[in-house]
Amino acid sequence: MSCFGGRVSQDLYQNCCNANTLCEFNGDLDSVKSEPIYVQKVFDAVLFNLQGMKTVQNQTFTPQIPAGHRVKRVIDIRCRRSFNPYNVDDPCNLKLDVNTSISGATFLQNCKGEYLTVVGADGNFSERLLYAETDHCDDKCMGTPIFGTQNIAITGNVIIELDLLLCDSCNNDVIFTVCTNVNIAEESQPLVLTNFFEICMPSAIDTAFLPRFTEFCNSACEARLATNNCGRDLTVDSNGCVCGNLIIAICVTCEKKIVVPVQLCVLSTGYAQAAVQQNAICTTFPPLFPNQIRPEDTEENCGGVGGDQDDCCSCEERPPRDECGCRPQRPQPRR
């Protein structure tokens, strides 16, 4: 056991981990109950794959290859996005600046001309409220189509690594890795990708909530030698400095969604609860979430078909309050 109460992996040098299983089902349908949840429903969504290209010539790689070695071939080429976790505003970070305009609907604005945004599933104010005259399609029990234009401005750097197979004077092979930092575009002149889309929105009249528009994108990069020939695309000077000609592709996936708040009834086996890491000092701990109060869990139904004697707590069973008006903590049953 560790000092924090957790189990120590058998392999002390393991660099990866497995997540805890928070939800388990024993197969007994009597433990399945219906639960209401208040969530956001995806009314419609469109997905796009976009690609941007960047070519570089005589890009310098580091470190220099050892003296007395020559390059036989390239074993692997890897590309990853540049990101500085200590400064998210670092201009070297690969960034996607998405600008979307809508035709056929309007993004709501306040008196200052600022878009009204609400909290999305990502926890940020990433959803904009939409309004359109939907009466015509509402009469047909159908959605109203709206059209959009998307511009993605890409700026920042990517990091490219080359695994080279080197050969020394004794014909011994060794793998040697060199890397470089390549700028894709500056903020003053970004790499812009444009596409158009159509999406369907629900009624904006027969609802208590206006539809919300949200979007998110993710990027990856791939690199290759310009002509796929090591002899033509790579050069090594007398000091062992490697220079190369590359083609870099920025691969972007974007999704646009129309979401609306809904209340759903779902089947549940209970609240999710992570395994507790025990502490040797405290004997009781406060709960994080309240227990669900159900009609079958009332005092007269305790121990019945739908109830569990251990889960019931009538007023008479509760410990009395002290002179300060506080009731001692009652240990909560684990569901």
C-alpha atoms as a PDB file:
ATOM      1  CA  MET A   1       0.000   0.000   0.000  1.00  0.00           C
ATOM      2  CA  SER A   2       1.118   3.543  -0.661  1.00  0.00           C
ATOM      3  CA  CYS A   3       1.149   6.385   1.871  1.00  0.00           C
ATOM      4  CA  PHE A   4      -2.114   7.657   0.360  1.00  0.00           C
ATOM      5  CA  GLY A   5      -3.985   4.396   0.829  1.00  0.00           C
ATOM      6  CA  GLY A   6      -3.866   3.287  -2.795  1.00  0.00           C
ATOM      7  CA  ARG A   7      -2.522   0.085  -4.178  1.00  0.00           C
ATOM      8  CA  VAL A   8       0.946   0.157  -5.682  1.00  0.00           C
ATOM      9  CA  SER A   9       1.330  -1.360  -9.128  1.00  0.00           C
ATOM     10  CA  GLN A  10       3.379  -4.525  -9.325  1.00  0.00           C
ATOM     11  CA  ASP A  11       5.480  -2.858 -11.956  1.00  0.00           C
ATOM     12  CA  LEU A  12       6.995   0.205 -10.276  1.00  0.00           C
ATOM     13  CA  TYR A  13       8.222   1.509 -13.633  1.00  0.00           C
ATOM     14  CA  GLN A  14       4.886   1.271 -15.426  1.00  0.00           C
ATOM     15  CA  ASN A  15       4.194   4.577 -17.193  1.00  0.00           C
ATOM     16  CA  CYS A  16       0.551   3.934 -18.100  1.00  0.00           C
ATOM     17  CA  CYS A  17      -2.538   3.198 -16.045  1.00  0.00           C
ATOM     18  CA  ASN A  18      -6.038   1.776 -16.131  1.00  0.00           C
ATOM     19  CA  ALA A  19      -9.088   3.790 -15.090  1.00  0.00           C
ATOM     20  CA  ASN A  20     -11.334   2.722 -12.231  1.00  0.00           C
ATOM     21  CA  THR A  21     -14.596   0.981 -13.057  1.00  0.00           C
ATOM     22  CA  LEU A  22     -17.261   3.306 -11.618  1.00  0.00           C
ATOM     23  CA  CYS A  23     -20.356   1.413 -12.785  1.00  0.00           C
ATOM     24  CA  GLU A  24     -20.994  -2.280 -12.268  1.00  0.00           C
ATOM     25  CA  PHE A  25     -24.113  -4.392 -12.869  1.00  0.00           C
ATOM     26  CA  ASN A  26     -24.629  -7.746 -11.200  1.00  0.00           C
ATOM     27  CA  GLY A  27     -27.304  -8.842 -13.671  1.00  0.00           C
ATOM     28  CA  ASP A  28     -30.184  -8.536 -11.189  1.00  0.00           C
ATOM     29  CA  LEU A  29     -32.985  -6.571 -12.880  1.00  0.00           C
ATOM     30  CA  ASP A  30     -34.522  -5.746  -9.484  1.00  0.00           C
ATOM     31  CA  SER A  31     -31.685  -3.252  -8.978  1.00  0.00           C
ATOM     32  CA  VAL A  32     -32.597  -1.366 -12.170  1.00  0.00           C
ATOM     33  CA  LYS A  33     -34.665   1.757 -11.543  1.00  0.00           C
ATOM     34  CA  SER A  34     -35.864   4.623 -13.692  1.00  0.00           C
ATOM     35  CA  GLU A  35     -34.168   8.001 -13.167  1.00  0.00           C
ATOM     36  CA  PRO A  36     -35.016  11.433 -14.639  1.00  0.00           C
ATOM     37  CA  ILE A  37     -32.029  13.373 -15.939  1.00  0.00           C
ATOM     38  CA  TYR A  38     -31.875  16.907 -17.353  1.00  0.00           C
ATOM     39  CA  VAL A  39     -29.486  16.916 -20.291  1.00  0.00           C
ATOM     40  CA  GLN A  40     -28.923  18.359 -23.742  1.00  0.00           C
ATOM     41  CA  LYS A  41     -30.200  16.484 -26.752  1.00  0.00           C
ATOM     42  CA  VAL A  42     -28.408  16.658 -30.086  1.00  0.00           C
ATOM     43  CA  PHE A  43     -31.121  17.600 -32.569  1.00  0.00           C
ATOM     44  CA  ASP A  44     -28.865  17.564 -35.644  1.00  0.00           C
ATOM     45  CA  ALA A  45     -25.145  17.429 -36.370  1.00  0.00           C
ATOM     46  CA  VAL A  46     -22.801  17.593 -39.362  1.00  0.00           C
ATOM     47  CA  LEU A  47     -19.202  16.359 -39.488  1.00  0.00           C
ATOM     48  CA  PHE A  48     -16.357  17.528 -41.731  1.00  0.00           C
ATOM     49  CA  ASN A  49     -12.836  16.401 -42.527  1.00  0.00           C
ATOM     50  CA  LEU A  50     -10.587  19.169 -43.840  1.00  0.00           C
ATOM     51  CA  GLN A  51      -6.938  19.202 -44.888  1.00  0.00           C
ATOM     52  CA  GLY A  52      -4.318  21.914 -45.138  1.00  0.00           C
ATOM     53  CA  MET A  53      -0.878  21.574 -46.737  1.00  0.00           C
ATOM     54  CA  LYS A  54       2.490  23.077 -45.891  1.00  0.00           C
ATOM     55  CA  THR A  55       5.779  22.509 -47.728  1.00  0.00           C
ATOM     56  CA  VAL A  56       9.204  23.267 -46.282  1.00  0.00           C
ATOM     57  CA  GLN A  57      12.629  23.162 -47.919  1.00  0.00           C
ATOM     58  CA  ASN A  58      16.000  22.691 -46.280  1.00  0.00           C
ATOM     59  CA  GLN A  59      14.523  22.321 -42.828  1.00  0.00           C
ATOM     60  CA  THR A  60      17.296  21.827 -40.261  1.00  0.00           C
ATOM     61  CA  PHE A  61      17.059  18.934 -37.801  1.00  0.00           C
ATOM     62  CA  THR A  62      18.828  18.490 -34.471  1.00  0.00           C
ATOM     63  CA  PRO A  63      21.008  16.972 -33.117  1.00  0.00           C
ATOM     64  CA  GLN A  64      23.792  16.398 -35.603  1.00  0.00           C
ATOM     65  CA  ILE A  65      24.520  12.807 -36.520  1.00  0.00           C
ATOM     66  CA  PRO A  66      27.737  11.393 -35.000  1.00  0.00           C
ATOM     67  CA  ALA A  67      30.954  11.682 -36.964  1.00  0.00           C
ATOM     68  CA  GLY A  68      31.796   8.705 -39.162  1.00  0.00           C
ATOM     69  CA  HIS A  69      28.143   7.741 -39.745  1.00  0.00           C
ATOM     70  CA  ARG A  70      26.054   7.926 -42.882  1.00  0.00           C
ATOM     71  CA  VAL A  71      22.297   7.783 -43.413  1.00  0.00           C
ATOM     72  CA  LYS A  72      21.067   4.563 -44.990  1.00  0.00           C
ATOM     73  CA  ARG A  73      17.325   5.259 -44.900  1.00  0.00           C
ATOM     74  CA  VAL A  74      14.466   6.817 -42.955  1.00  0.00           C
ATOM     75  CA  ILE A  75      12.675   4.325 -40.724  1.00  0.00           C
ATOM     76  CA  ASP A  76       9.825   6.486 -39.451  1.00  0.00           C
ATOM     77  CA  ILE A  77       8.482  10.051 -39.596  1.00  0.00           C
ATOM     78  CA  ARG A  78       6.308  11.360 -36.758  1.00  0.00           C
ATOM     79  CA  CYS A  79       4.455  14.642 -36.471  1.00  0.00           C
ATOM     80  CA  ARG A  80       2.736  16.116 -33.424  1.00  0.00           C
ATOM     81  CA  ARG A  81       1.244  19.424 -32.463  1.00  0.00           C
ATOM     82  CA  SER A  82       3.318  21.918 -30.515  1.00  0.00           C
ATOM     83  CA  PHE A  83       1.787  22.804 -27.149  1.00  0.00           C
ATOM     84  CA  ASN A  84       3.177  24.655 -24.147  1.00  0.00           C
ATOM     85  CA  PRO A  85       1.164  23.679 -21.029  1.00  0.00           C
ATOM     86  CA  TYR A  86       2.693  26.570 -19.076  1.00  0.00           C
ATOM     87  CA  ASN A  87       1.457  29.202 -21.541  1.00  0.00           C
ATOM     88  CA  VAL A  88      -1.679  28.482 -23.543  1.00  0.00           C
ATOM     89  CA  ASP A  89      -1.208  31.828 -25.331  1.00  0.00           C
ATOM     90  CA  ASP A  90       2.200  30.807 -26.655  1.00  0.00           C
ATOM     91  CA  PRO A  91       2.204  31.717 -30.386  1.00  0.00           C
ATOM     92  CA  CYS A  92       4.063  28.463 -31.074  1.00  0.00           C
ATOM     93  CA  ASN A  93       1.045  26.424 -29.970  1.00  0.00           C
ATOM     94  CA  LEU A  94      -0.877  24.994 -32.900  1.00  0.00           C
ATOM     95  CA  LYS A  95      -4.222  26.786 -32.767  1.00  0.00           C
ATOM     96  CA  LEU A  96      -7.510  26.570 -34.639  1.00  0.00           C
ATOM     97  CA  ASP A  97      -9.485  29.820 -34.763  1.00  0.00           C
ATOM     98  CA  VAL A  98     -12.983  28.840 -35.971  1.00  0.00           C
ATOM     99  CA  ASN A  99     -15.246  31.565 -37.354  1.00  0.00           C
ATOM    100  CA  THR A 100     -18.746  30.474 -38.359  1.00  0.00           C
ATOM    101  CA  SER A 101     -21.472  32.617 -39.888  1.00  0.00           C
ATOM    102  CA  ILE A 102     -25.115  31.539 -40.285  1.00  0.00           C
ATOM    103  CA  SER A 103     -27.651  32.294 -43.015  1.00  0.00           C
ATOM    104  CA  GLY A 104     -31.361  31.708 -42.424  1.00  0.00           C
ATOM    105  CA  ALA A 105     -31.095  32.213 -38.650  1.00  0.00           C
ATOM    106  CA  THR A 106     -29.647  34.712 -36.188  1.00  0.00           C
ATOM    107  CA  PHE A 107     -27.290  34.389 -33.270  1.00  0.00           C
ATOM    108  CA  LEU A 108     -28.823  36.306 -30.357  1.00  0.00           C
ATOM    109  CA  GLN A 109     -26.914  39.396 -29.216  1.00  0.00           C
ATOM    110  CA  ASN A 110     -27.171  41.756 -26.272  1.00  0.00           C
ATOM    111  CA  CYS A 111     -27.331  45.538 -26.370  1.00  0.00           C
ATOM    112  CA  LYS A 112     -23.540  45.689 -26.815  1.00  0.00           C
ATOM    113  CA  GLY A 113     -23.617  43.492 -29.900  1.00  0.00           C
ATOM    114  CA  GLU A 114     -22.064  40.535 -28.046  1.00  0.00           C
ATOM    115  CA  TYR A 115     -23.267  37.013 -28.736  1.00  0.00           C
ATOM    116  CA  LEU A 116     -25.286  35.408 -25.957  1.00  0.00           C
ATOM    117  CA  THR A 117     -23.530  32.192 -24.956  1.00  0.00           C
ATOM    118  CA  VAL A 118     -24.490  29.468 -22.505  1.00  0.00           C
ATOM    119  CA  VAL A 119     -22.548  26.673 -20.846  1.00  0.00           C
ATOM    120  CA  GLY A 120     -22.113  23.619 -23.030  1.00  0.00           C
ATOM    121  CA  ALA A 121     -21.222  20.011 -22.330  1.00  0.00           C
ATOM    122  CA  ASP A 122     -17.535  20.980 -22.184  1.00  0.00           C
ATOM    123  CA  GLY A 123     -18.161  23.256 -19.183  1.00  0.00           C
ATOM    124  CA  ASN A 124     -17.369  26.418 -21.159  1.00  0.00           C
ATOM    125  CA  PHE A 125     -19.585  29.123 -22.612  1.00  0.00           C
ATOM    126  CA  SER A 126     -19.395  27.443 -26.001  1.00  0.00           C
ATOM    127  CA  GLU A 127     -23.029  27.431 -27.143  1.00  0.00           C
ATOM    128  CA  ARG A 128     -24.704  30.312 -28.937  1.00  0.00           C
ATOM    129  CA  LEU A 129     -28.472  30.821 -28.922  1.00  0.00           C
ATOM    130  CA  LEU A 130     -30.203  30.594 -32.303  1.00  0.00           C
ATOM    131  CA  TYR A 131     -33.416  32.204 -33.477  1.00  0.00           C
ATOM    132  CA  ALA A 132     -35.278  31.841 -36.757  1.00  0.00           C
ATOM    133  CA  GLU A 133     -38.841  32.108 -37.998  1.00  0.00           C
ATOM    134  CA  THR A 134     -39.754  28.425 -37.896  1.00  0.00           C
ATOM    135  CA  ASP A 135     -43.567  28.736 -38.220  1.00  0.00           C
ATOM    136  CA  HIS A 136     -43.692  27.389 -41.768  1.00  0.00           C
ATOM    137  CA  CYS A 137     -41.845  24.173 -40.973  1.00  0.00           C
ATOM    138  CA  ASP A 138     -43.480  23.879 -37.544  1.00  0.00           C
ATOM    139  CA  ASP A 139     -46.858  23.544 -39.272  1.00  0.00           C
ATOM    140  CA  LYS A 140     -45.450  20.545 -41.157  1.00  0.00           C
ATOM    141  CA  CYS A 141     -43.888  19.032 -38.013  1.00  0.00           C
ATOM    142  CA  MET A 142     -40.456  19.397 -39.596  1.00  0.00           C
ATOM    143  CA  GLY A 143     -37.250  21.252 -38.848  1.00  0.00           C
ATOM    144  CA  THR A 144     -36.051  24.471 -40.441  1.00  0.00           C
ATOM    145  CA  PRO A 145     -32.854  24.300 -42.545  1.00  0.00           C
ATOM    146  CA  ILE A 146     -30.155  26.868 -41.966  1.00  0.00           C
ATOM    147  CA  PHE A 147     -26.891  27.355 -43.819  1.00  0.00           C
ATOM    148  CA  GLY A 148     -23.443  28.205 -42.577  1.00  0.00           C
ATOM    149  CA  THR A 149     -19.950  29.153 -43.690  1.00  0.00           C
ATOM    150  CA  GLN A 150     -16.940  28.028 -41.705  1.00  0.00           C
ATOM    151  CA  ASN A 151     -13.468  29.551 -41.807  1.00  0.00           C
ATOM    152  CA  ILE A 152     -10.685  27.883 -39.798  1.00  0.00           C
ATOM    153  CA  ALA A 153      -7.494  29.898 -39.320  1.00  0.00           C
ATOM    154  CA  ILE A 154      -4.534  27.653 -38.421  1.00  0.00           C
ATOM    155  CA  THR A 155      -1.466  29.118 -36.740  1.00  0.00           C
ATOM    156  CA  GLY A 156       1.443  27.792 -34.718  1.00  0.00           C
ATOM    157  CA  ASN A 157       4.052  25.065 -35.008  1.00  0.00           C
ATOM    158  CA  VAL A 158       4.357  21.307 -35.285  1.00  0.00           C
ATOM    159  CA  ILE A 159       7.199  19.058 -34.140  1.00  0.00           C
ATOM    160  CA  ILE A 160       8.578  16.501 -36.577  1.00  0.00           C
ATOM    161  CA  GLU A 161      10.801  13.582 -35.617  1.00  0.00           C
ATOM    162  CA  LEU A 162      12.803  11.397 -38.002  1.00  0.00           C
ATOM    163  CA  ASP A 163      14.090   7.957 -37.068  1.00  0.00           C
ATOM    164  CA  LEU A 164      17.204   7.477 -39.197  1.00  0.00           C
ATOM    165  CA  LEU A 165      19.048   4.238 -39.755  1.00  0.00           C
ATOM    166  CA  LEU A 166      22.740   5.098 -39.564  1.00  0.00           C
ATOM    167  CA  CYS A 167      25.725   3.005 -40.536  1.00  0.00           C
ATOM    168  CA  ASP A 168      29.237   3.529 -39.171  1.00  0.00           C
ATOM    169  CA  SER A 169      32.574   2.731 -40.762  1.00  0.00           C
ATOM    170  CA  CYS A 170      32.329  -0.871 -39.486  1.00  0.00           C
ATOM    171  CA  ASN A 171      28.899  -1.372 -41.119  1.00  0.00           C
ATOM    172  CA  ASN A 172      27.151  -1.426 -37.759  1.00  0.00           C
ATOM    173  CA  ASP A 173      23.569  -0.136 -37.926  1.00  0.00           C
ATOM    174  CA  VAL A 174      22.094   2.137 -35.289  1.00  0.00           C
ATOM    175  CA  ILE A 175      18.810   4.043 -35.056  1.00  0.00           C
ATOM    176  CA  PHE A 176      19.249   7.770 -34.516  1.00  0.00           C
ATOM    177  CA  THR A 177      16.393  10.241 -33.953  1.00  0.00           C
ATOM    178  CA  VAL A 178      16.453  13.871 -35.040  1.00  0.00           C
ATOM    179  CA  CYS A 179      13.674  16.442 -34.643  1.00  0.00           C
ATOM    180  CA  THR A 180      12.708  19.922 -35.731  1.00  0.00           C
ATOM    181  CA  ASN A 181      10.101  22.578 -34.980  1.00  0.00           C
ATOM    182  CA  VAL A 182       8.242  23.752 -38.101  1.00  0.00           C
ATOM    183  CA  ASN A 183       6.072  26.855 -38.251  1.00  0.00           C
ATOM    184  CA  ILE A 184       2.828  26.269 -40.122  1.00  0.00           C
ATOM    185  CA  ALA A 185       1.633  29.874 -40.227  1.00  0.00           C
ATOM    186  CA  GLU A 186       1.969  33.141 -38.346  1.00  0.00           C
ATOM    187  CA  GLU A 187      -0.997  34.934 -36.791  1.00  0.00           C
ATOM    188  CA  SER A 188      -0.596  37.722 -39.352  1.00  0.00           C
ATOM    189  CA  GLN A 189      -0.921  35.256 -42.244  1.00  0.00           C
ATOM    190  CA  PRO A 190      -2.783  32.140 -41.047  1.00  0.00           C
ATOM    191  CA  LEU A 191      -3.512  29.041 -43.086  1.00  0.00           C
ATOM    192  CA  VAL A 192      -7.276  29.296 -43.758  1.00  0.00           C
ATOM    193  CA  LEU A 193      -9.590  26.383 -44.524  1.00  0.00           C
ATOM    194  CA  THR A 194     -13.147  27.122 -45.690  1.00  0.00           C
ATOM    195  CA  ASN A 195     -16.220  24.954 -46.136  1.00  0.00           C
ATOM    196  CA  PHE A 196     -20.005  25.272 -46.226  1.00  0.00           C
ATOM    197  CA  PHE A 197     -22.689  23.265 -44.460  1.00  0.00           C
ATOM    198  CA  GLU A 198     -26.426  22.858 -43.952  1.00  0.00           C
ATOM    199  CA  ILE A 199     -27.978  21.894 -40.642  1.00  0.00           C
ATOM    200  CA  CYS A 200     -31.518  21.465 -39.328  1.00  0.00           C
ATOM    201  CA  MET A 201     -32.849  23.375 -36.306  1.00  0.00           C
ATOM    202  CA  PRO A 202     -36.057  22.662 -34.335  1.00  0.00           C
ATOM    203  CA  SER A 203     -38.867  25.026 -33.535  1.00  0.00           C
ATOM    204  CA  ALA A 204     -37.942  28.322 -31.909  1.00  0.00           C
ATOM    205  CA  ILE A 205     -41.603  29.106 -31.149  1.00  0.00           C
ATOM    206  CA  ASP A 206     -43.117  26.012 -29.493  1.00  0.00           C
ATOM    207  CA  THR A 207     -40.423  25.575 -26.852  1.00  0.00           C
ATOM    208  CA  ALA A 208     -39.314  27.130 -23.575  1.00  0.00           C
ATOM    209  CA  PHE A 209     -35.668  27.131 -24.692  1.00  0.00           C
ATOM    210  CA  LEU A 210     -34.106  28.472 -27.837  1.00  0.00           C
ATOM    211  CA  PRO A 211     -31.981  26.010 -29.841  1.00  0.00           C
ATOM    212  CA  ARG A 212     -28.241  26.259 -29.231  1.00  0.00           C
ATOM    213  CA  PHE A 213     -25.454  26.068 -31.795  1.00  0.00           C
ATOM    214  CA  THR A 214     -22.139  24.566 -30.770  1.00  0.00           C
ATOM    215  CA  GLU A 215     -19.021  23.498 -32.648  1.00  0.00           C
ATOM    216  CA  PHE A 216     -15.683  21.922 -31.860  1.00  0.00           C
ATOM    217  CA  CYS A 217     -12.671  20.866 -33.890  1.00  0.00           C
ATOM    218  CA  ASN A 218      -9.608  18.716 -33.427  1.00  0.00           C
ATOM    219  CA  SER A 219      -6.394  18.683 -35.422  1.00  0.00           C
ATOM    220  CA  ALA A 220      -3.635  16.240 -36.204  1.00  0.00           C
ATOM    221  CA  CYS A 221      -0.648  16.395 -38.509  1.00  0.00           C
ATOM    222  CA  GLU A 222       1.163  14.047 -40.852  1.00  0.00           C
ATOM    223  CA  ALA A 223       4.520  14.544 -42.528  1.00  0.00           C
ATOM    224  CA  ARG A 224       6.425  12.869 -45.334  1.00  0.00           C
ATOM    225  CA  LEU A 225       9.500  13.480 -47.421  1.00  0.00           C
ATOM    226  CA  ALA A 226       8.741  15.779 -50.324  1.00  0.00           C
ATOM    227  CA  THR A 227       9.494  13.162 -53.020  1.00  0.00           C
ATOM    228  CA  ASN A 228       9.543  10.100 -50.759  1.00  0.00           C
ATOM    229  CA  ASN A 229      13.214   9.645 -51.611  1.00  0.00           C
ATOM    230  CA  CYS A 230      15.821   9.791 -48.872  1.00  0.00           C
ATOM    231  CA  GLY A 231      18.659  10.569 -51.283  1.00  0.00           C
ATOM    232  CA  ARG A 232      16.873  13.560 -52.829  1.00  0.00           C
ATOM    233  CA  ASP A 233      15.074  14.954 -49.779  1.00  0.00           C
ATOM    234  CA  LEU A 234      17.760  14.629 -47.099  1.00  0.00           C
ATOM    235  CA  THR A 235      21.195  16.202 -47.090  1.00  0.00           C
ATOM    236  CA  VAL A 236      23.970  15.878 -44.520  1.00  0.00           C
ATOM    237  CA  ASP A 237      26.764  18.438 -44.437  1.00  0.00           C
ATOM    238  CA  SER A 238      30.326  17.883 -43.294  1.00  0.00           C
ATOM    239  CA  ASN A 239      29.394  18.720 -39.687  1.00  0.00           C
ATOM    240  CA  GLY A 240      26.654  16.067 -39.553  1.00  0.00           C
ATOM    241  CA  CYS A 241      23.778  18.549 -39.741  1.00  0.00           C
ATOM    242  CA  VAL A 242      20.670  17.020 -41.376  1.00  0.00           C
ATOM    243  CA  CYS A 243      18.443  19.115 -43.642  1.00  0.00           C
ATOM    244  CA  GLY A 244      15.281  17.881 -45.340  1.00  0.00           C
ATOM    245  CA  ASN A 245      12.449  18.778 -47.708  1.00  0.00           C
ATOM    246  CA  LEU A 246       9.057  17.930 -46.249  1.00  0.00           C
ATOM    247  CA  ILE A 247       5.325  18.025 -46.979  1.00  0.00           C
ATOM    248  CA  ILE A 248       3.181  18.545 -43.877  1.00  0.00           C
ATOM    249  CA  ALA A 249      -0.558  17.930 -43.843  1.00  0.00           C
ATOM    250  CA  ILE A 250      -2.761  19.446 -41.128  1.00  0.00           C
ATOM    251  CA  CYS A 251      -5.779  17.150 -40.721  1.00  0.00           C
ATOM    252  CA  VAL A 252      -8.806  18.813 -39.126  1.00  0.00           C
ATOM    253  CA  THR A 253     -12.096  17.264 -38.006  1.00  0.00           C
ATOM    254  CA  CYS A 254     -14.972  19.590 -37.109  1.00  0.00           C
ATOM    255  CA  GLU A 255     -18.496  18.945 -35.948  1.00  0.00           C
ATOM    256  CA  LYS A 256     -21.422  21.360 -35.774  1.00  0.00           C
ATOM    257  CA  LYS A 257     -24.370  20.588 -33.527  1.00  0.00           C
ATOM    258  CA  ILE A 258     -27.833  21.915 -32.795  1.00  0.00           C
ATOM    259  CA  VAL A 259     -28.671  21.027 -29.189  1.00  0.00           C
ATOM    260  CA  VAL A 260     -31.778  21.569 -27.074  1.00  0.00           C
ATOM    261  CA  PRO A 261     -32.371  20.958 -23.343  1.00  0.00           C
ATOM    262  CA  VAL A 262     -34.555  17.913 -22.623  1.00  0.00           C
ATOM    263  CA  GLN A 263     -35.575  15.769 -19.680  1.00  0.00           C
ATOM    264  CA  LEU A 264     -35.090  12.050 -20.181  1.00  0.00           C
ATOM    265  CA  CYS A 265     -36.063   8.952 -18.257  1.00  0.00           C
ATOM    266  CA  VAL A 266     -33.204   6.454 -18.161  1.00  0.00           C
ATOM    267  CA  LEU A 267     -32.716   3.069 -16.543  1.00  0.00           C
ATOM    268  CA  SER A 268     -30.093   3.136 -13.820  1.00  0.00           C
ATOM    269  CA  THR A 269     -28.539   0.721 -11.345  1.00  0.00           C
ATOM    270  CA  GLY A 270     -27.692   3.514  -8.920  1.00  0.00           C
ATOM    271  CA  TYR A 271     -25.270   6.351  -8.490  1.00  0.00           C
ATOM    272  CA  ALA A 272     -21.706   5.932  -9.684  1.00  0.00           C
ATOM    273  CA  GLN A 273     -19.228   5.840  -6.835  1.00  0.00           C
ATOM    274  CA  ALA A 274     -15.462   5.623  -7.033  1.00  0.00           C
ATOM    275  CA  ALA A 275     -13.511   3.301  -4.766  1.00  0.00           C
ATOM    276  CA  VAL A 276     -12.514   5.080  -1.562  1.00  0.00           C
ATOM    277  CA  GLN A 277      -8.866   5.436  -0.662  1.00  0.00           C
ATOM    278  CA  GLN A 278      -8.931   4.817   3.087  1.00  0.00           C
ATOM    279  CA  ASN A 279      -7.356   7.225   5.549  1.00  0.00           C
ATOM    280  CA  ALA A 280      -6.118   6.031   8.931  1.00  0.00           C
ATOM    281  CA  ILE A 281      -7.122   9.167  10.880  1.00  0.00           C
ATOM    282  CA  CYS A 282     -10.782   9.925  10.072  1.00  0.00           C
ATOM    283  CA  THR A 283     -13.436   7.337  10.937  1.00  0.00           C
ATOM    284  CA  THR A 284     -16.395   8.872   9.056  1.00  0.00           C
ATOM    285  CA  PHE A 285     -16.635  11.089   6.024  1.00  0.00           C
ATOM    286  CA  PRO A 286     -19.469  13.243   4.658  1.00  0.00           C
ATOM    287  CA  PRO A 287     -21.304  12.106   1.506  1.00  0.00           C
ATOM    288  CA  LEU A 288     -20.800  13.856  -1.808  1.00  0.00           C
ATOM    289  CA  PHE A 289     -24.289  13.317  -3.242  1.00  0.00           C
ATOM    290  CA  PRO A 290     -27.732  12.999  -1.608  1.00  0.00           C
ATOM    291  CA  ASN A 291     -29.579   9.700  -1.544  1.00  0.00           C
ATOM    292  CA  GLN A 292     -32.578   9.365  -3.821  1.00  0.00           C
ATOM    293  CA  ILE A 293     -35.894   9.487  -1.888  1.00  0.00           C
ATOM    294  CA  ARG A 294     -38.476   7.192  -3.456  1.00  0.00           C
ATOM    295  CA  PRO A 295     -42.089   6.353  -2.524  1.00  0.00           C
ATOM    296  CA  GLU A 296     -41.130   2.714  -1.939  1.00  0.00           C
ATOM    297  CA  ASP A 297     -38.458   3.818   0.549  1.00  0.00           C
ATOM    298  CA  THR A 298     -40.913   5.413   3.013  1.00  0.00           C
ATOM    299  CA  GLU A 299     -41.178   4.160   6.581  1.00  0.00           C
ATOM    300  CA  GLU A 300     -44.256   2.011   6.043  1.00  0.00           C
ATOM    301  CA  ASN A 301     -42.664   0.299   3.020  1.00  0.00           C
ATOM    302  CA  CYS A 302     -39.290  -0.440   4.578  1.00  0.00           C
ATOM    303  CA  GLY A 303     -38.339  -4.009   3.922  1.00  0.00           C
ATOM    304  CA  GLY A 304     -41.146  -4.429   1.372  1.00  0.00           C
ATOM    305  CA  VAL A 305     -40.920  -5.522  -2.231  1.00  0.00           C
ATOM    306  CA  GLY A 306     -39.514  -2.237  -3.478  1.00  0.00           C
ATOM    307  CA  GLY A 307     -37.626  -1.180  -0.377  1.00  0.00           C
ATOM    308  CA  ASP A 308     -34.548  -2.113   1.555  1.00  0.00           C
ATOM    309  CA  GLN A 309     -34.497  -1.970   5.343  1.00  0.00           C
ATOM    310  CA  ASP A 310     -30.911  -0.724   5.321  1.00  0.00           C
ATOM    311  CA  ASP A 311     -31.747   2.163   2.971  1.00  0.00           C
ATOM    312  CA  CYS A 312     -34.701   3.460   5.024  1.00  0.00           C
ATOM    313  CA  CYS A 313     -34.294   6.155   7.617  1.00  0.00           C
ATOM    314  CA  SER A 314     -37.431   7.385   9.366  1.00  0.00           C
ATOM    315  CA  CYS A 315     -37.509  10.426  11.589  1.00  0.00           C
ATOM    316  CA  GLU A 316     -37.549   8.217  14.712  1.00  0.00           C
ATOM    317  CA  GLU A 317     -34.376   6.451  13.580  1.00  0.00           C
ATOM    318  CA  ARG A 318     -32.389   9.653  13.215  1.00  0.00           C
ATOM    319  CA  PRO A 319     -30.113  10.573  16.131  1.00  0.00           C
ATOM    320  CA  PRO A 320     -31.336  13.552  18.189  1.00  0.00           C
ATOM    321  CA  ARG A 321     -29.863  16.989  17.731  1.00  0.00           C
ATOM    322  CA  ASP A 322     -27.483  18.402  20.302  1.00  0.00           C
ATOM    323  CA  GLU A 323     -27.819  21.730  22.118  1.00  0.00           C
ATOM    324  CA  CYS A 324     -26.374  23.540  19.079  1.00  0.00           C
ATOM    325  CA  GLY A 325     -29.068  22.154  16.828  1.00  0.00           C
ATOM    326  CA  CYS A 326     -26.688  19.817  15.013  1.00  0.00           C
ATOM    327  CA  ARG A 327     -27.394  16.172  14.350  1.00  0.00           C
ATOM    328  CA  PRO A 328     -24.444  13.744  14.514  1.00  0.00           C
ATOM    329  CA  GLN A 329     -23.339  12.395  11.168  1.00  0.00           C
ATOM    330  CA  ARG A 330     -25.072   9.123  10.330  1.00  0.00           C
ATOM    331  CA  PRO A 331     -22.983   6.750   8.186  1.00  0.00           C
ATOM    332  CA  GLN A 332     -24.449   6.577   4.716  1.00  0.00           C
ATOM    333  CA  PRO A 333     -25.167   3.148   3.178  1.00  0.00           C
ATOM    334  CA  ARG A 334     -23.119   2.308   0.132  1.00  0.00           C
ATOM    335  CA  ARG A 335     -25.245   1.616  -2.905  1.00  0.00           C
END
